[in-house]
Amino acid sequence: MVDKNSIKRGGTVRQRRLPNLAVLRAFEATVRYGSVSKAAKSLNVTDGAVSRAVREFEQTLGFALFQRTSRMVHPTPQAQELASEIGRGLDNLQSAIDRACRHHQNRPLVISCEPTFLIRWLIPRLAGLQQAVGKERDLQLVSAGGAVAFSREGIDLAIRRNDFPIADDVVTRPFLKERVGPVCRREHAATGRELRGTLLHTETRPHAWRDWCTHSGIEIRPGNELRFEHFYLSLQAAVAGAGIGIGPLALVADDIVNGALVAPYGFAPDGTDYVLMTQADGQDDAIFSTVLDWLIAMGEETERAVLASEGKA
């Protein structure tokens, strides 16, 4: 019987010579820092422990990996190449462990979502999402926008609008088209070719009004203008009757359905989509598909509800 720690190549059996993980970590850190003391400090062990581990590795390999002086160690070219490969291997091992932990059933499902979308669309539908993923799986919602560092930030899934460059190693699937239009209290509504009143702007989309006017052909005749840092602030101002906001359908859907806002000119696509994202090499296909299916269904329901309330369905 061939030992399970052996590998067979070309009809012969070669015994693996893999040092333990502590030895590999000590060697890689010593090369990376160029100092036994710095390596020991980074690993939270003694200088002697690192020195012994490095010498053990050299004995295992049968050749020296460092040129030693009284105060420094200088890795050989071969040691530098080997340390680089070991470093990548340690990173891959850590990623695999992180993925295993992320996929453990008892770990919360961490979803990162753009703040306004989270506040005005996802949270009001949170009970449905919890039911979709299962009551035994806790949810953790994180408010953030833009690119996502999935592994570093411990994020499983992210909801974004795809208006920024997305890395090649990120899986994205659209679930709702972005449609934008003016929204206001009914008493401020007008349907002519000119839009008059106090305009509400948001710093997160400074060109939203300009882009909508270009697409719609409607001319703006603003009285005053108010500017807000985030969409959820400008939309809340519209609900309060402070003026006319420019709002995405998804973010004002509930206010239109309950009559707090109207959209006198309807909504026009802006060419972007809301997407569900995850890291390609850490993807849990089952949970990704479950959440995506739920998002698509809720997106379709949102559009139908708005159209019905506006008398267009």
Protein backbone atom coordinates (compact mmCIF):
# COMPACT_ATOMS: atom_id res chain seq x y z
CA MET A 1 0.00 0.00 0.00
CA VAL A 2 1.28 3.45 -0.90
CA ASP A 3 1.30 5.92 1.95
CA LYS A 4 -1.30 8.68 1.47
CA ASN A 5 1.44 11.26 2.01
CA SER A 6 3.34 10.02 -1.03
CA ILE A 7 2.82 11.00 -4.65
CA LYS A 8 3.35 8.92 -7.75
CA ARG A 9 5.13 10.32 -10.80
CA GLY A 10 6.39 8.45 -13.83
CA GLY A 11 5.83 5.04 -12.26
CA THR A 12 7.81 5.84 -9.10
CA VAL A 13 6.70 6.92 -5.70
CA ARG A 14 8.22 10.10 -4.25
CA GLN A 15 7.73 10.90 -0.60
CA ARG A 16 6.47 14.42 0.05
CA ARG A 17 8.80 16.60 2.11
CA LEU A 18 6.44 19.23 3.43
CA PRO A 19 7.54 20.96 6.64
CA ASN A 20 4.89 21.92 9.13
CA LEU A 21 3.02 25.19 8.69
CA ALA A 22 4.91 27.00 11.46
CA VAL A 23 8.22 26.34 9.69
CA LEU A 24 6.90 27.64 6.37
CA ARG A 25 5.46 30.76 7.98
CA ALA A 26 8.71 31.49 9.82
CA PHE A 27 10.76 31.12 6.64
CA GLU A 28 8.42 33.26 4.52
CA ALA A 29 8.29 36.02 7.14
CA THR A 30 12.09 36.04 7.51
CA VAL A 31 12.54 36.53 3.77
CA ARG A 32 9.80 39.14 3.61
CA TYR A 33 11.19 41.23 6.46
CA GLY A 34 14.89 40.46 5.95
CA SER A 35 15.23 40.07 9.70
CA VAL A 36 14.68 37.27 12.19
CA SER A 37 13.59 39.75 14.88
CA LYS A 38 11.01 41.44 12.65
CA ALA A 39 9.72 38.07 11.47
CA ALA A 40 9.39 36.89 15.07
CA LYS A 41 7.52 40.05 16.05
CA SER A 42 5.08 39.66 13.14
CA LEU A 43 4.39 36.04 14.14
CA ASN A 44 4.26 36.80 17.88
CA VAL A 45 6.98 34.24 18.69
CA THR A 46 10.57 34.48 19.95
CA ASP A 47 13.61 35.14 17.77
CA GLY A 48 14.93 31.73 18.75
CA ALA A 49 11.78 29.99 17.53
CA VAL A 50 12.12 31.61 14.10
CA SER A 51 15.83 30.80 13.87
CA ARG A 52 15.21 27.16 14.75
CA ALA A 53 12.38 26.91 12.22
CA VAL A 54 14.52 28.36 9.43
CA ARG A 55 17.43 26.01 10.19
CA GLU A 56 15.02 23.07 10.29
CA PHE A 57 13.77 24.06 6.84
CA GLU A 58 17.33 24.27 5.51
CA GLN A 59 18.10 20.82 6.93
CA THR A 60 14.97 19.42 5.29
CA LEU A 61 15.94 20.86 1.91
CA GLY A 62 19.63 20.07 2.25
CA PHE A 63 21.01 23.49 1.36
CA ALA A 64 21.37 26.97 2.84
CA LEU A 65 18.69 29.57 2.19
CA PHE A 66 20.39 32.58 3.79
CA GLN A 67 23.76 34.27 3.95
CA ARG A 68 24.14 35.24 7.59
CA THR A 69 25.97 38.19 9.11
CA SER A 70 26.17 39.23 12.75
CA ARG A 71 22.99 41.31 12.58
CA MET A 72 21.14 40.41 9.38
CA VAL A 73 20.15 37.46 7.23
CA HIS A 74 20.26 37.80 3.46
CA PRO A 75 18.07 35.37 1.49
CA THR A 76 19.57 33.71 -1.55
CA PRO A 77 17.83 34.19 -4.93
CA GLN A 78 16.45 30.67 -4.60
CA ALA A 79 15.09 31.49 -1.14
CA GLN A 80 13.37 34.61 -2.46
CA GLU A 81 11.67 32.64 -5.21
CA LEU A 82 10.63 29.91 -2.79
CA ALA A 83 9.31 32.41 -0.25
CA SER A 84 7.21 34.10 -2.93
CA GLU A 85 5.56 30.80 -3.83
CA ILE A 86 5.03 29.88 -0.18
CA GLY A 87 3.49 33.30 0.48
CA ARG A 88 0.98 32.77 -2.31
CA GLY A 89 0.23 29.32 -0.97
CA LEU A 90 -0.41 30.66 2.52
CA ASP A 91 -2.72 33.33 1.09
CA ASN A 92 -4.64 30.67 -0.85
CA LEU A 93 -4.91 28.53 2.26
CA GLN A 94 -6.25 31.47 4.27
CA SER A 95 -8.78 32.25 1.53
CA ALA A 96 -9.96 28.64 1.52
CA ILE A 97 -10.41 28.69 5.29
CA ASP A 98 -12.27 32.01 5.09
CA ARG A 99 -14.61 30.61 2.43
CA ALA A 100 -15.30 27.53 4.53
CA CYS A 101 -16.15 29.74 7.50
CA ARG A 102 -18.34 32.00 5.37
CA HIS A 103 -20.32 29.05 4.10
CA HIS A 104 -20.90 27.53 7.52
CA GLN A 105 -24.61 27.44 8.14
CA ASN A 106 -24.45 29.16 11.52
CA ARG A 107 -22.57 32.19 10.18
CA PRO A 108 -24.71 35.25 9.31
CA LEU A 109 -25.21 36.04 5.64
CA VAL A 110 -23.47 39.42 5.25
CA ILE A 111 -24.99 41.64 2.55
CA SER A 112 -23.49 45.01 1.62
CA CYS A 113 -25.95 47.48 0.10
CA GLU A 114 -25.94 51.09 -1.08
CA PRO A 115 -27.30 53.25 1.77
CA THR A 116 -30.38 54.77 0.10
CA PHE A 117 -31.37 51.49 -1.56
CA LEU A 118 -30.97 49.79 1.80
CA ILE A 119 -33.10 52.33 3.67
CA ARG A 120 -35.86 52.89 1.13
CA TRP A 121 -36.18 49.53 -0.65
CA LEU A 122 -34.45 46.59 1.02
CA ILE A 123 -35.31 47.15 4.69
CA PRO A 124 -39.07 47.52 4.01
CA ARG A 125 -38.89 44.10 2.30
CA LEU A 126 -36.52 42.49 4.78
CA ALA A 127 -39.06 39.99 6.11
CA GLY A 128 -39.42 38.53 2.63
CA LEU A 129 -35.66 38.21 2.21
CA GLN A 130 -35.38 36.46 5.57
CA GLN A 131 -38.07 34.02 4.53
CA ALA A 132 -36.30 33.37 1.22
CA VAL A 133 -32.92 32.52 2.76
CA GLY A 134 -34.48 30.63 5.67
CA LYS A 135 -35.26 31.60 9.24
CA GLU A 136 -32.30 29.56 10.50
CA ARG A 137 -29.84 31.85 8.67
CA ASP A 138 -29.20 35.22 10.30
CA LEU A 139 -28.79 38.29 8.10
CA GLN A 140 -26.27 41.09 8.61
CA LEU A 141 -26.71 44.23 6.50
CA VAL A 142 -23.81 46.59 5.82
CA SER A 143 -24.28 50.08 4.39
CA ALA A 144 -21.67 50.88 1.72
CA GLY A 145 -21.27 51.82 -1.94
CA GLY A 146 -18.80 51.30 -4.77
CA ALA A 147 -16.27 48.49 -5.11
CA VAL A 148 -16.39 45.64 -2.59
CA ALA A 149 -13.44 43.89 -0.91
CA PHE A 150 -15.37 40.70 -0.25
CA SER A 151 -12.75 38.63 1.60
CA ARG A 152 -11.14 41.47 3.54
CA GLU A 153 -14.47 42.94 4.68
CA GLY A 154 -16.20 39.60 5.25
CA ILE A 155 -18.92 40.34 2.68
CA ASP A 156 -20.88 37.47 1.12
CA LEU A 157 -23.13 39.40 -1.28
CA ALA A 158 -23.38 43.02 -2.39
CA ILE A 159 -26.14 45.08 -3.99
CA ARG A 160 -24.93 47.92 -6.14
CA ARG A 161 -25.87 50.04 -9.14
CA ASN A 162 -23.40 49.13 -11.89
CA ASP A 163 -22.16 52.67 -12.52
CA PHE A 164 -18.51 51.93 -11.62
CA PRO A 165 -15.78 49.54 -12.88
CA ILE A 166 -16.32 46.02 -11.55
CA ALA A 167 -13.37 43.64 -11.18
CA ASP A 168 -13.13 40.58 -13.42
CA ASP A 169 -13.20 38.20 -10.45
CA VAL A 170 -16.60 39.46 -9.29
CA VAL A 171 -19.83 37.77 -10.43
CA THR A 172 -22.67 40.23 -11.17
CA ARG A 173 -26.30 39.62 -12.12
CA PRO A 174 -28.85 42.40 -12.79
CA PHE A 175 -32.23 42.32 -11.09
CA LEU A 176 -33.77 45.78 -11.60
CA LYS A 177 -33.29 48.47 -14.24
CA GLU A 178 -32.66 51.96 -12.96
CA ARG A 179 -35.47 54.33 -14.00
CA VAL A 180 -35.39 57.97 -12.93
CA GLY A 181 -37.93 60.80 -12.89
CA PRO A 182 -39.11 63.89 -10.98
CA VAL A 183 -41.12 63.22 -7.84
CA CYS A 184 -43.02 65.57 -5.55
CA ARG A 185 -46.12 66.03 -3.44
CA ARG A 186 -49.31 66.05 -5.52
CA GLU A 187 -49.88 69.76 -4.89
CA HIS A 188 -46.53 70.54 -6.54
CA ALA A 189 -47.14 68.38 -9.61
CA ALA A 190 -47.22 69.78 -13.14
CA THR A 191 -47.32 68.07 -16.51
CA GLY A 192 -46.41 70.83 -18.97
CA ARG A 193 -43.22 71.14 -20.96
CA GLU A 194 -41.68 73.30 -18.26
CA LEU A 195 -40.87 72.18 -14.75
CA ARG A 196 -41.20 74.94 -12.15
CA GLY A 197 -40.52 74.93 -8.44
CA THR A 198 -37.75 74.34 -5.92
CA LEU A 199 -35.44 71.62 -7.22
CA LEU A 200 -33.89 69.15 -4.80
CA HIS A 201 -30.39 67.91 -5.70
CA THR A 202 -28.15 65.21 -4.25
CA GLU A 203 -24.36 65.26 -4.20
CA THR A 204 -24.14 61.53 -4.89
CA ARG A 205 -25.70 62.07 -8.33
CA PRO A 206 -24.99 65.71 -9.16
CA HIS A 207 -25.99 65.39 -12.84
CA ALA A 208 -29.27 63.54 -12.33
CA TRP A 209 -31.45 66.53 -13.22
CA ARG A 210 -29.37 67.47 -16.25
CA ASP A 211 -29.38 63.93 -17.59
CA TRP A 212 -33.12 63.55 -17.14
CA CYS A 213 -33.85 66.85 -18.89
CA THR A 214 -31.65 65.87 -21.83
CA HIS A 215 -33.47 62.56 -22.18
CA SER A 216 -37.02 63.89 -21.65
CA GLY A 217 -36.85 67.22 -23.45
CA ILE A 218 -38.50 68.94 -20.49
CA GLU A 219 -37.13 72.38 -19.63
CA ILE A 220 -36.43 73.29 -16.01
CA ARG A 221 -37.43 76.70 -14.64
CA PRO A 222 -36.27 76.37 -11.04
CA GLY A 223 -37.28 78.85 -8.41
CA ASN A 224 -34.82 77.89 -5.71
CA GLU A 225 -32.50 74.92 -5.35
CA LEU A 226 -31.70 72.80 -2.32
CA ARG A 227 -28.75 70.41 -2.18
CA PHE A 228 -28.35 67.35 0.00
CA GLU A 229 -25.49 64.98 0.63
CA HIS A 230 -27.42 61.76 0.01
CA PHE A 231 -30.44 60.63 -1.99
CA TYR A 232 -32.36 59.53 1.09
CA LEU A 233 -32.19 63.12 2.36
CA SER A 234 -33.38 64.78 -0.85
CA LEU A 235 -36.18 62.22 -1.24
CA GLN A 236 -37.31 62.75 2.33
CA ALA A 237 -37.37 66.49 1.60
CA ALA A 238 -39.64 65.79 -1.38
CA VAL A 239 -41.97 63.76 0.86
CA ALA A 240 -42.03 66.69 3.29
CA GLY A 241 -43.10 69.05 0.49
CA ALA A 242 -39.84 71.02 0.31
CA GLY A 243 -39.68 70.83 -3.48
CA ILE A 244 -39.31 68.55 -6.48
CA GLY A 245 -36.80 65.74 -6.24
CA ILE A 246 -35.28 63.55 -8.91
CA GLY A 247 -35.71 59.97 -7.86
CA PRO A 248 -35.12 56.41 -9.02
CA LEU A 249 -38.31 54.37 -9.26
CA ALA A 250 -37.11 51.77 -6.77
CA LEU A 251 -36.28 54.38 -4.14
CA VAL A 252 -39.64 56.18 -4.30
CA ALA A 253 -41.89 53.22 -5.12
CA ASP A 254 -43.39 52.86 -1.65
CA ASP A 255 -44.07 56.61 -1.39
CA ILE A 256 -45.84 56.60 -4.76
CA VAL A 257 -47.92 53.56 -3.87
CA ASN A 258 -49.06 55.08 -0.56
CA GLY A 259 -49.74 58.48 -2.15
CA ALA A 260 -46.99 60.48 -0.43
CA LEU A 261 -45.38 61.29 -3.79
CA VAL A 262 -46.37 61.42 -7.44
CA ALA A 263 -44.23 61.12 -10.57
CA PRO A 264 -45.89 63.52 -13.05
CA TYR A 265 -43.54 62.67 -15.93
CA GLY A 266 -43.05 58.99 -15.20
CA PHE A 267 -39.64 57.33 -15.15
CA ALA A 268 -37.00 56.87 -17.85
CA PRO A 269 -34.15 54.31 -17.92
CA ASP A 270 -30.70 55.79 -17.34
CA GLY A 271 -28.77 52.83 -18.76
CA THR A 272 -27.71 51.28 -15.46
CA ASP A 273 -29.01 48.36 -13.42
CA TYR A 274 -29.10 47.30 -9.82
CA VAL A 275 -27.01 44.14 -9.58
CA LEU A 276 -26.26 41.38 -7.11
CA MET A 277 -22.52 40.76 -6.72
CA THR A 278 -20.27 38.16 -5.13
CA GLN A 279 -16.64 37.03 -5.27
CA ALA A 280 -16.24 34.45 -8.04
CA ASP A 281 -13.98 32.04 -6.14
CA GLY A 282 -16.04 32.26 -2.97
CA GLN A 283 -19.48 31.97 -4.51
CA ASP A 284 -22.13 29.92 -2.73
CA ASP A 285 -24.25 29.12 -5.79
CA ALA A 286 -27.31 28.09 -3.81
CA ILE A 287 -27.58 31.20 -1.63
CA PHE A 288 -26.62 33.49 -4.54
CA SER A 289 -29.39 32.02 -6.70
CA THR A 290 -31.89 32.20 -3.85
CA VAL A 291 -31.23 35.88 -3.16
CA LEU A 292 -31.09 36.75 -6.87
CA ASP A 293 -34.45 35.07 -7.57
CA TRP A 294 -35.99 36.96 -4.66
CA LEU A 295 -34.54 40.29 -5.83
CA ILE A 296 -35.83 39.76 -9.38
CA ALA A 297 -39.31 38.91 -8.12
CA MET A 298 -39.39 41.93 -5.78
CA GLY A 299 -38.08 44.20 -8.54
CA GLU A 300 -40.86 43.13 -10.88
CA GLU A 301 -43.42 43.57 -8.12
CA THR A 302 -42.10 47.07 -7.41
CA GLU A 303 -42.48 48.16 -11.03
CA ARG A 304 -46.00 46.70 -11.30
CA ALA A 305 -47.10 48.45 -8.11
CA VAL A 306 -45.84 51.85 -9.27
CA LEU A 307 -47.43 51.51 -12.71
CA ALA A 308 -50.73 50.47 -11.15
CA SER A 309 -50.75 53.40 -8.74
CA GLU A 310 -50.06 55.80 -11.61
CA GLY A 311 -52.95 54.36 -13.62
CA LYS A 312 -50.65 52.86 -16.27
CA ALA A 313 -51.21 49.18 -15.65
